[in-house]
C-alpha atoms as a PDB file:
ATOM      1  CA  UNK A   1      31.656 -91.913  82.323  1.00  0.00           C
ATOM      2  CA  UNK A   2      32.586 -88.536  83.871  1.00  0.00           C
ATOM      3  CA  UNK A   3      33.220 -88.422  87.602  1.00  0.00           C
ATOM      4  CA  UNK A   4      30.574 -86.363  89.390  1.00  0.00           C
ATOM      5  CA  UNK A   5      31.715 -84.480  92.453  1.00  0.00           C
ATOM      6  CA  UNK A   6      28.512 -82.511  93.047  1.00  0.00           C
ATOM      7  CA  UNK A   7      25.360 -84.403  92.093  1.00  0.00           C
ATOM      8  CA  UNK A   8      23.070 -81.467  92.875  1.00  0.00           C
ATOM      9  CA  UNK A   9      24.947 -79.168  90.495  1.00  0.00           C
ATOM     10  CA  UNK A  10      25.090 -81.896  87.848  1.00  0.00           C
ATOM     11  CA  UNK A  11      21.303 -82.403  87.755  1.00  0.00           C
ATOM     12  CA  UNK A  12      20.667 -78.639  87.962  1.00  0.00           C
ATOM     13  CA  UNK A  13      22.865 -78.107  84.875  1.00  0.00           C
ATOM     14  CA  UNK A  14      21.112 -80.973  83.073  1.00  0.00           C
ATOM     15  CA  UNK A  15      17.674 -79.532  83.827  1.00  0.00           C
ATOM     16  CA  UNK A  16      18.801 -76.115  82.614  1.00  0.00           C
ATOM     17  CA  UNK A  17      20.076 -77.749  79.409  1.00  0.00           C
ATOM     18  CA  UNK A  18      16.735 -79.560  78.882  1.00  0.00           C
ATOM     19  CA  UNK A  19      14.870 -76.289  79.336  1.00  0.00           C
ATOM     20  CA  UNK A  20      17.210 -74.558  76.873  1.00  0.00           C
ATOM     21  CA  UNK A  21      16.820 -77.278  74.227  1.00  0.00           C
ATOM     22  CA  UNK A  22      13.031 -77.216  74.521  1.00  0.00           C
ATOM     23  CA  UNK A  23      13.083 -73.431  74.206  1.00  0.00           C
ATOM     24  CA  UNK A  24      15.236 -73.679  71.089  1.00  0.00           C
ATOM     25  CA  UNK A  25      12.703 -76.002  69.424  1.00  0.00           C
ATOM     26  CA  UNK A  26       9.849 -73.615  70.229  1.00  0.00           C
ATOM     27  CA  UNK A  27      11.677 -70.452  69.162  1.00  0.00           C
ATOM     28  CA  UNK A  28      12.824 -72.008  65.915  1.00  0.00           C
ATOM     29  CA  UNK A  29       9.179 -72.619  65.068  1.00  0.00           C
ATOM     30  CA  UNK A  30       8.156 -69.065  66.020  1.00  0.00           C
ATOM     31  CA  UNK A  31      10.999 -67.491  64.034  1.00  0.00           C
ATOM     32  CA  UNK A  32      10.118 -69.598  60.953  1.00  0.00           C
ATOM     33  CA  UNK A  33       6.681 -67.949  60.814  1.00  0.00           C
ATOM     34  CA  UNK A  34       8.363 -64.652  59.970  1.00  0.00           C
ATOM     35  CA  UNK A  35      11.122 -66.138  57.780  1.00  0.00           C
ATOM     36  CA  UNK A  36      13.511 -65.116  60.532  1.00  0.00           C
ATOM     37  CA  UNK A  37      16.150 -67.173  62.345  1.00  0.00           C
ATOM     38  CA  UNK A  38      16.590 -68.295  65.937  1.00  0.00           C
ATOM     39  CA  UNK A  39      20.322 -68.573  66.565  1.00  0.00           C
ATOM     40  CA  UNK A  40      22.228 -70.075  69.478  1.00  0.00           C
ATOM     41  CA  UNK A  41      25.661 -69.749  67.818  1.00  0.00           C
ATOM     42  CA  UNK A  42      27.303 -66.961  65.836  1.00  0.00           C
ATOM     43  CA  UNK A  43      27.406 -66.672  62.051  1.00  0.00           C
ATOM     44  CA  UNK A  44      31.001 -65.468  61.676  1.00  0.00           C
ATOM     45  CA  UNK A  45      33.624 -68.238  61.447  1.00  0.00           C
ATOM     46  CA  UNK A  46      36.418 -68.437  63.973  1.00  0.00           C
ATOM     47  CA  UNK A  47      40.021 -67.453  63.130  1.00  0.00           C
ATOM     48  CA  UNK A  48      40.629 -71.145  62.410  1.00  0.00           C
ATOM     49  CA  UNK A  49      37.793 -71.113  59.863  1.00  0.00           C
ATOM     50  CA  UNK A  50      35.443 -73.230  61.974  1.00  0.00           C
ATOM     51  CA  UNK A  51      31.739 -72.564  62.699  1.00  0.00           C
ATOM     52  CA  UNK A  52      31.412 -70.890  66.129  1.00  0.00           C
ATOM     53  CA  UNK A  53      30.000 -72.868  69.028  1.00  0.00           C
ATOM     54  CA  UNK A  54      28.914 -69.809  71.030  1.00  0.00           C
ATOM     55  CA  UNK A  55      26.729 -66.840  70.262  1.00  0.00           C
ATOM     56  CA  UNK A  56      29.061 -63.967  71.097  1.00  0.00           C
ATOM     57  CA  UNK A  57      27.662 -60.441  70.864  1.00  0.00           C
ATOM     58  CA  UNK A  58      29.576 -57.259  71.567  1.00  0.00           C
ATOM     59  CA  UNK A  59      29.138 -53.912  73.236  1.00  0.00           C
ATOM     60  CA  UNK A  60      30.498 -50.582  71.953  1.00  0.00           C
ATOM     61  CA  UNK A  61      33.840 -51.203  73.625  1.00  0.00           C
ATOM     62  CA  UNK A  62      34.519 -54.623  72.076  1.00  0.00           C
ATOM     63  CA  UNK A  63      33.627 -56.672  75.164  1.00  0.00           C
ATOM     64  CA  UNK A  64      31.958 -59.937  74.239  1.00  0.00           C
ATOM     65  CA  UNK A  65      28.998 -61.639  75.900  1.00  0.00           C
ATOM     66  CA  UNK A  66      27.970 -65.271  75.527  1.00  0.00           C
ATOM     67  CA  UNK A  67      24.243 -64.982  74.830  1.00  0.00           C
ATOM     68  CA  UNK A  68      21.821 -67.953  74.917  1.00  0.00           C
ATOM     69  CA  UNK A  69      19.837 -67.042  71.821  1.00  0.00           C
ATOM     70  CA  UNK A  70      18.596 -64.358  69.455  1.00  0.00           C
ATOM     71  CA  UNK A  71      15.952 -63.964  66.804  1.00  0.00           C
ATOM     72  CA  UNK A  72      17.501 -62.287  63.775  1.00  0.00           C
ATOM     73  CA  UNK A  73      16.076 -61.110  60.461  1.00  0.00           C
ATOM     74  CA  UNK A  74      17.196 -62.012  56.921  1.00  0.00           C
ATOM     75  CA  UNK A  75      20.055 -59.526  57.137  1.00  0.00           C
ATOM     76  CA  UNK A  76      21.197 -61.143  60.428  1.00  0.00           C
ATOM     77  CA  UNK A  77      20.250 -58.043  62.411  1.00  0.00           C
ATOM     78  CA  UNK A  78      19.248 -59.107  65.942  1.00  0.00           C
ATOM     79  CA  UNK A  79      15.655 -58.351  66.931  1.00  0.00           C
ATOM     80  CA  UNK A  80      15.072 -60.130  70.258  1.00  0.00           C
ATOM     81  CA  UNK A  81      17.621 -61.311  72.821  1.00  0.00           C
ATOM     82  CA  UNK A  82      16.887 -64.456  74.879  1.00  0.00           C
ATOM     83  CA  UNK A  83      18.355 -65.703  78.098  1.00  0.00           C
ATOM     84  CA  UNK A  84      17.288 -68.855  79.947  1.00  0.00           C
ATOM     85  CA  UNK A  85      18.477 -69.511  83.493  1.00  0.00           C
ATOM     86  CA  UNK A  86      17.587 -72.318  85.864  1.00  0.00           C
ATOM     87  CA  UNK A  87      18.508 -71.754  89.535  1.00  0.00           C
ATOM     88  CA  UNK A  88      17.627 -73.999  92.474  1.00  0.00           C
ATOM     89  CA  UNK A  89      18.871 -71.692  95.287  1.00  0.00           C
ATOM     90  CA  UNK A  90      17.937 -68.011  95.581  1.00  0.00           C
ATOM     91  CA  UNK A  91      21.426 -67.178  96.862  1.00  0.00           C
ATOM     92  CA  UNK A  92      22.636 -67.303  93.246  1.00  0.00           C
ATOM     93  CA  UNK A  93      19.888 -64.933  91.970  1.00  0.00           C
ATOM     94  CA  UNK A  94      21.788 -61.664  92.181  1.00  0.00           C
ATOM     95  CA  UNK A  95      24.878 -63.015  90.472  1.00  0.00           C
ATOM     96  CA  UNK A  96      23.026 -64.523  87.502  1.00  0.00           C
ATOM     97  CA  UNK A  97      20.429 -61.768  87.318  1.00  0.00           C
ATOM     98  CA  UNK A  98      23.029 -58.977  87.398  1.00  0.00           C
ATOM     99  CA  UNK A  99      24.901 -60.553  84.502  1.00  0.00           C
ATOM    100  CA  UNK A 100      21.765 -60.623  82.333  1.00  0.00           C
ATOM    101  CA  UNK A 101      21.021 -56.984  83.188  1.00  0.00           C
ATOM    102  CA  UNK A 102      24.499 -55.783  82.347  1.00  0.00           C
ATOM    103  CA  UNK A 103      24.992 -57.913  79.226  1.00  0.00           C
ATOM    104  CA  UNK A 104      21.647 -57.162  77.566  1.00  0.00           C
ATOM    105  CA  UNK A 105      21.822 -53.428  78.325  1.00  0.00           C
ATOM    106  CA  UNK A 106      25.357 -53.146  76.925  1.00  0.00           C
ATOM    107  CA  UNK A 107      24.500 -55.165  73.797  1.00  0.00           C
ATOM    108  CA  UNK A 108      21.370 -53.135  73.043  1.00  0.00           C
ATOM    109  CA  UNK A 109      23.395 -49.931  72.957  1.00  0.00           C
ATOM    110  CA  UNK A 110      25.416 -51.394  70.049  1.00  0.00           C
ATOM    111  CA  UNK A 111      22.764 -53.243  68.032  1.00  0.00           C
ATOM    112  CA  UNK A 112      19.971 -50.664  67.640  1.00  0.00           C
ATOM    113  CA  UNK A 113      17.864 -53.174  65.670  1.00  0.00           C
ATOM    114  CA  UNK A 114      17.067 -55.020  68.912  1.00  0.00           C
ATOM    115  CA  UNK A 115      13.470 -54.467  69.942  1.00  0.00           C
ATOM    116  CA  UNK A 116      13.282 -56.432  73.165  1.00  0.00           C
ATOM    117  CA  UNK A 117      15.017 -58.694  75.699  1.00  0.00           C
ATOM    118  CA  UNK A 118      13.373 -61.795  77.167  1.00  0.00           C
ATOM    119  CA  UNK A 119      14.516 -63.865  80.144  1.00  0.00           C
ATOM    120  CA  UNK A 120      13.008 -67.303  80.835  1.00  0.00           C
ATOM    121  CA  UNK A 121      13.815 -68.087  84.461  1.00  0.00           C
ATOM    122  CA  UNK A 122      13.279 -71.507  85.996  1.00  0.00           C
ATOM    123  CA  UNK A 123      13.490 -72.520  89.639  1.00  0.00           C
ATOM    124  CA  UNK A 124      13.627 -70.236  92.661  1.00  0.00           C
ATOM    125  CA  UNK A 125      13.828 -66.499  92.007  1.00  0.00           C
ATOM    126  CA  UNK A 126      13.313 -63.812  94.648  1.00  0.00           C
ATOM    127  CA  UNK A 127      10.924 -60.926  94.009  1.00  0.00           C
ATOM    128  CA  UNK A 128      13.790 -58.419  94.472  1.00  0.00           C
ATOM    129  CA  UNK A 129      15.891 -60.136  91.801  1.00  0.00           C
ATOM    130  CA  UNK A 130      12.950 -60.243  89.383  1.00  0.00           C
ATOM    131  CA  UNK A 131      12.275 -56.543  89.996  1.00  0.00           C
ATOM    132  CA  UNK A 132      15.960 -55.770  89.321  1.00  0.00           C
ATOM    133  CA  UNK A 133      15.878 -57.605  86.022  1.00  0.00           C
ATOM    134  CA  UNK A 134      12.602 -55.977  84.976  1.00  0.00           C
ATOM    135  CA  UNK A 135      14.031 -52.533  85.771  1.00  0.00           C
ATOM    136  CA  UNK A 136      16.499 -53.068  82.916  1.00  0.00           C
ATOM    137  CA  UNK A 137      13.611 -53.354  80.428  1.00  0.00           C
ATOM    138  CA  UNK A 138      13.838 -57.133  80.204  1.00  0.00           C
ATOM    139  CA  UNK A 139      10.621 -59.151  79.848  1.00  0.00           C
ATOM    140  CA  UNK A 140      10.445 -61.996  82.392  1.00  0.00           C
ATOM    141  CA  UNK A 141       8.785 -65.415  82.310  1.00  0.00           C
ATOM    142  CA  UNK A 142       9.097 -67.567  85.394  1.00  0.00           C
ATOM    143  CA  UNK A 143       8.794 -71.363  85.609  1.00  0.00           C
ATOM    144  CA  UNK A 144       8.365 -72.031  89.340  1.00  0.00           C
ATOM    145  CA  UNK A 145      10.441 -74.634  91.169  1.00  0.00           C
ATOM    146  CA  UNK A 146       7.259 -76.551  92.001  1.00  0.00           C
ATOM    147  CA  UNK A 147       6.695 -77.152  88.294  1.00  0.00           C
ATOM    148  CA  UNK A 148      10.214 -78.578  87.934  1.00  0.00           C
ATOM    149  CA  UNK A 149       9.604 -80.879  90.930  1.00  0.00           C
ATOM    150  CA  UNK A 150       6.301 -82.028  89.453  1.00  0.00           C
ATOM    151  CA  UNK A 151       7.774 -82.961  86.078  1.00  0.00           C
ATOM    152  CA  UNK A 152      10.700 -84.841  87.635  1.00  0.00           C
ATOM    153  CA  UNK A 153       8.328 -86.630  90.037  1.00  0.00           C
ATOM    154  CA  UNK A 154       6.424 -87.892  86.994  1.00  0.00           C
ATOM    155  CA  UNK A 155       9.661 -89.636  85.987  1.00  0.00           C
ATOM    156  CA  UNK A 156      10.109 -91.122  89.476  1.00  0.00           C
ATOM    157  CA  UNK A 157      12.699 -88.549  90.489  1.00  0.00           C
ATOM    158  CA  UNK A 158      12.488 -86.924  93.936  1.00  0.00           C
ATOM    159  CA  UNK A 159      13.817 -83.403  93.480  1.00  0.00           C
ATOM    160  CA  UNK A 160      13.019 -82.110  96.967  1.00  0.00           C
ATOM    161  CA  UNK A 161      16.069 -82.179  99.194  1.00  0.00           C
ATOM    162  CA  UNK A 162      18.009 -79.815 101.403  1.00  0.00           C
ATOM    163  CA  UNK A 163      21.163 -78.155 100.099  1.00  0.00           C
ATOM    164  CA  UNK A 164      23.454 -80.699 101.726  1.00  0.00           C
ATOM    165  CA  UNK A 165      21.312 -83.732 100.912  1.00  0.00           C
ATOM    166  CA  UNK A 166      23.994 -85.521  98.938  1.00  0.00           C
ATOM    167  CA  UNK A 167      22.400 -88.992  98.990  1.00  0.00           C
ATOM    168  CA  UNK A 168      19.068 -87.795  97.599  1.00  0.00           C
ATOM    169  CA  UNK A 169      20.875 -85.603  95.057  1.00  0.00           C
ATOM    170  CA  UNK A 170      22.984 -88.606  93.938  1.00  0.00           C
ATOM    171  CA  UNK A 171      19.855 -90.769  93.544  1.00  0.00           C
ATOM    172  CA  UNK A 172      18.097 -88.007  91.579  1.00  0.00           C
ATOM    173  CA  UNK A 173      21.063 -87.500  89.270  1.00  0.00           C
ATOM    174  CA  UNK A 174      21.486 -91.214  88.537  1.00  0.00           C
ATOM    175  CA  UNK A 175      17.789 -91.577  87.677  1.00  0.00           C
ATOM    176  CA  UNK A 176      17.836 -88.486  85.499  1.00  0.00           C
ATOM    177  CA  UNK A 177      21.035 -89.492  83.751  1.00  0.00           C
ATOM    178  CA  UNK A 178      19.556 -92.909  82.910  1.00  0.00           C
ATOM    179  CA  UNK A 179      16.594 -91.348  81.065  1.00  0.00           C
ATOM    180  CA  UNK A 180      16.479 -91.454  77.259  1.00  0.00           C
ATOM    181  CA  UNK A 181      17.304 -88.164  75.580  1.00  0.00           C
ATOM    182  CA  UNK A 182      13.728 -87.876  74.387  1.00  0.00           C
ATOM    183  CA  UNK A 183      12.441 -88.092  77.944  1.00  0.00           C
ATOM    184  CA  UNK A 184      14.923 -85.430  79.091  1.00  0.00           C
ATOM    185  CA  UNK A 185      13.708 -83.151  76.320  1.00  0.00           C
ATOM    186  CA  UNK A 186      10.074 -83.790  77.269  1.00  0.00           C
ATOM    187  CA  UNK A 187      10.821 -82.555  80.807  1.00  0.00           C
ATOM    188  CA  UNK A 188      12.102 -79.322  79.316  1.00  0.00           C
ATOM    189  CA  UNK A 189       9.106 -79.076  76.974  1.00  0.00           C
ATOM    190  CA  UNK A 190       6.639 -79.514  79.835  1.00  0.00           C
ATOM    191  CA  UNK A 191       8.455 -76.795  81.782  1.00  0.00           C
ATOM    192  CA  UNK A 192       8.221 -74.435  78.776  1.00  0.00           C
ATOM    193  CA  UNK A 193       4.533 -75.245  78.322  1.00  0.00           C
ATOM    194  CA  UNK A 194       3.882 -73.251  81.525  1.00  0.00           C
ATOM    195  CA  UNK A 195       4.776 -70.031  79.702  1.00  0.00           C
ATOM    196  CA  UNK A 196       4.467 -70.949  76.017  1.00  0.00           C
ATOM    197  CA  UNK A 197       1.227 -69.195  75.150  1.00  0.00           C
ATOM    198  CA  UNK A 198       2.151 -65.860  76.761  1.00  0.00           C
ATOM    199  CA  UNK A 199       5.705 -66.047  75.456  1.00  0.00           C
ATOM    200  CA  UNK A 200       4.594 -66.605  71.852  1.00  0.00           C
ATOM    201  CA  UNK A 201       2.012 -63.820  72.130  1.00  0.00           C
ATOM    202  CA  UNK A 202       4.712 -61.390  73.333  1.00  0.00           C
ATOM    203  CA  UNK A 203       7.055 -62.345  70.484  1.00  0.00           C
ATOM    204  CA  UNK A 204       4.249 -61.853  67.953  1.00  0.00           C
ATOM    205  CA  UNK A 205       3.623 -58.379  69.378  1.00  0.00           C
ATOM    206  CA  UNK A 206       7.321 -57.475  69.271  1.00  0.00           C
ATOM    207  CA  UNK A 207       7.717 -58.628  65.651  1.00  0.00           C
ATOM    208  CA  UNK A 208       4.502 -56.960  64.435  1.00  0.00           C
ATOM    209  CA  UNK A 209       5.571 -54.535  61.705  1.00  0.00           C
ATOM    210  CA  UNK A 210       2.049 -53.226  61.109  1.00  0.00           C
ATOM    211  CA  UNK A 211       2.521 -50.693  63.903  1.00  0.00           C
ATOM    212  CA  UNK A 212       3.815 -47.274  62.841  1.00  0.00           C
ATOM    213  CA  UNK A 213       7.236 -46.512  64.316  1.00  0.00           C
ATOM    214  CA  UNK A 214       7.214 -43.481  66.631  1.00  0.00           C
ATOM    215  CA  UNK A 215       9.610 -41.977  69.152  1.00  0.00           C
ATOM    216  CA  UNK A 216       8.319 -43.146  72.549  1.00  0.00           C
ATOM    217  CA  UNK A 217      10.723 -41.116  74.680  1.00  0.00           C
ATOM    218  CA  UNK A 218      13.947 -39.136  74.466  1.00  0.00           C
ATOM    219  CA  UNK A 219      16.737 -39.828  76.987  1.00  0.00           C
ATOM    220  CA  UNK A 220      19.466 -37.258  77.444  1.00  0.00           C
ATOM    221  CA  UNK A 221      22.608 -38.097  79.441  1.00  0.00           C
ATOM    222  CA  UNK A 222      24.761 -35.185  80.577  1.00  0.00           C
ATOM    223  CA  UNK A 223      28.345 -35.930  81.690  1.00  0.00           C
ATOM    224  CA  UNK A 224      30.455 -33.201  83.328  1.00  0.00           C
ATOM    225  CA  UNK A 225      34.230 -32.926  83.016  1.00  0.00           C
ATOM    226  CA  UNK A 226      34.430 -33.983  86.649  1.00  0.00           C
ATOM    227  CA  UNK A 227      32.697 -37.314  85.925  1.00  0.00           C
ATOM    228  CA  UNK A 228      29.234 -36.486  87.240  1.00  0.00           C
ATOM    229  CA  UNK A 229      26.304 -37.948  85.317  1.00  0.00           C
ATOM    230  CA  UNK A 230      22.659 -36.871  85.127  1.00  0.00           C
ATOM    231  CA  UNK A 231      19.951 -38.512  83.018  1.00  0.00           C
ATOM    232  CA  UNK A 232      16.764 -36.827  81.862  1.00  0.00           C
ATOM    233  CA  UNK A 233      13.770 -38.347  80.085  1.00  0.00           C
ATOM    234  CA  UNK A 234      11.243 -36.526  77.883  1.00  0.00           C
ATOM    235  CA  UNK A 235       8.015 -37.664  76.258  1.00  0.00           C
ATOM    236  CA  UNK A 236       8.577 -35.811  73.002  1.00  0.00           C
ATOM    237  CA  UNK A 237      11.442 -34.592  70.789  1.00  0.00           C
ATOM    238  CA  UNK A 238      10.182 -31.022  71.194  1.00  0.00           C
ATOM    239  CA  UNK A 239      10.485 -31.209  74.998  1.00  0.00           C
ATOM    240  CA  UNK A 240      14.056 -32.519  74.662  1.00  0.00           C
ATOM    241  CA  UNK A 241      15.020 -29.685  72.287  1.00  0.00           C
ATOM    242  CA  UNK A 242      13.547 -27.185  74.698  1.00  0.00           C
ATOM    243  CA  UNK A 243      15.647 -28.624  77.510  1.00  0.00           C
ATOM    244  CA  UNK A 244      18.857 -28.458  75.430  1.00  0.00           C
ATOM    245  CA  UNK A 245      18.275 -24.765  74.756  1.00  0.00           C
ATOM    246  CA  UNK A 246      18.897 -24.119  78.458  1.00  0.00           C
ATOM    247  CA  UNK A 247      21.841 -21.700  78.688  1.00  0.00           C
ATOM    248  CA  UNK A 248      22.982 -23.011  82.067  1.00  0.00           C
ATOM    249  CA  UNK A 249      23.085 -26.822  81.778  1.00  0.00           C
ATOM    250  CA  UNK A 250      26.319 -26.838  83.856  1.00  0.00           C
ATOM    251  CA  UNK A 251      24.282 -25.734  86.862  1.00  0.00           C
ATOM    252  CA  UNK A 252      22.450 -29.054  86.785  1.00  0.00           C
ATOM    253  CA  UNK A 253      25.557 -30.675  88.271  1.00  0.00           C
ATOM    254  CA  UNK A 254      25.578 -28.630  91.466  1.00  0.00           C
ATOM    255  CA  UNK A 255      26.339 -31.312  94.049  1.00  0.00           C
ATOM    256  CA  UNK A 256      23.984 -29.864  96.710  1.00  0.00           C
ATOM    257  CA  UNK A 257      21.077 -31.145  94.594  1.00  0.00           C
ATOM    258  CA  UNK A 258      22.363 -34.731  94.534  1.00  0.00           C
ATOM    259  CA  UNK A 259      20.954 -37.512  96.686  1.00  0.00           C
ATOM    260  CA  UNK A 260      22.923 -38.349  99.823  1.00  0.00           C
ATOM    261  CA  UNK A 261      23.524 -41.599 101.627  1.00  0.00           C
ATOM    262  CA  UNK A 262      20.833 -40.564 104.111  1.00  0.00           C
ATOM    263  CA  UNK A 263      18.102 -40.464 101.448  1.00  0.00           C
ATOM    264  CA  UNK A 264      15.557 -43.287 101.270  1.00  0.00           C
ATOM    265  CA  UNK A 265      15.460 -45.464  98.132  1.00  0.00           C
ATOM    266  CA  UNK A 266      12.892 -44.747  95.385  1.00  0.00           C
ATOM    267  CA  UNK A 267       9.390 -46.029  96.098  1.00  0.00           C
ATOM    268  CA  UNK A 268       6.949 -47.392  93.519  1.00  0.00           C
ATOM    269  CA  UNK A 269       3.335 -48.416  93.392  1.00  0.00           C
ATOM    270  CA  UNK A 270       2.758 -52.156  93.796  1.00  0.00           C
ATOM    271  CA  UNK A 271       1.737 -52.377  90.141  1.00  0.00           C
ATOM    272  CA  UNK A 272       5.096 -50.888  89.031  1.00  0.00           C
ATOM    273  CA  UNK A 273       6.945 -53.338  91.284  1.00  0.00           C
ATOM    274  CA  UNK A 274       5.232 -56.386  89.775  1.00  0.00           C
ATOM    275  CA  UNK A 275       8.186 -58.236  88.198  1.00  0.00           C
ATOM    276  CA  UNK A 276       6.215 -60.325  85.707  1.00  0.00           C
END
């Protein structure tokens, strides 16, 4: 038996694993409907000729990212990225959330077959962290901490303790670790049930090929030789072409028009701020 130095971290990791396994079962079923594949490991063999254990995807610069899962079509082109994260304490939100934002954005610039990113987040997540993730065009589904506590309580496990409550954490871990694997999976399945209907509906919408494909917006990024960057969005291709015909695009980089450190942050309507 492995020696446990931090019982709270041990049970948190185990709960995250149960949630991930339950999600894998569900997404395999959904992918099968379309004759697609839900993958949690890569398809290219390692240098040693062994099947890969991780799902590594790459950006345009060759950096790799260990992704939780992806739905891919028959040609193994990725269509939807998935990330599942369980966090007990909000102090870890920014670290975990920032990684998802960076990784998914970088990957989507390489694999243009990807239609959407989805994050399933369990535990305690702050509104600011959820808003940050959503701002990177990632769909969010939250499984509240109360739901996790409820499902563990049904197994006789008290999951409500303070951060330094080592004795209660130890008791919770030992009870969880003694559960049969089927019972551990059921905890994850009951957590996923909280979001299952809406998640499956979203996936169906994303994979619906009956919709005609149109250009929704055109994004133009201008980079000056001094390293300045400006981004412009247009609703139509015609508007973008009209912008590019401007004879003085260099003038757009005049520094006097840039925001300063004194300027207030952007403000949004409450509806726009809603993270999920």
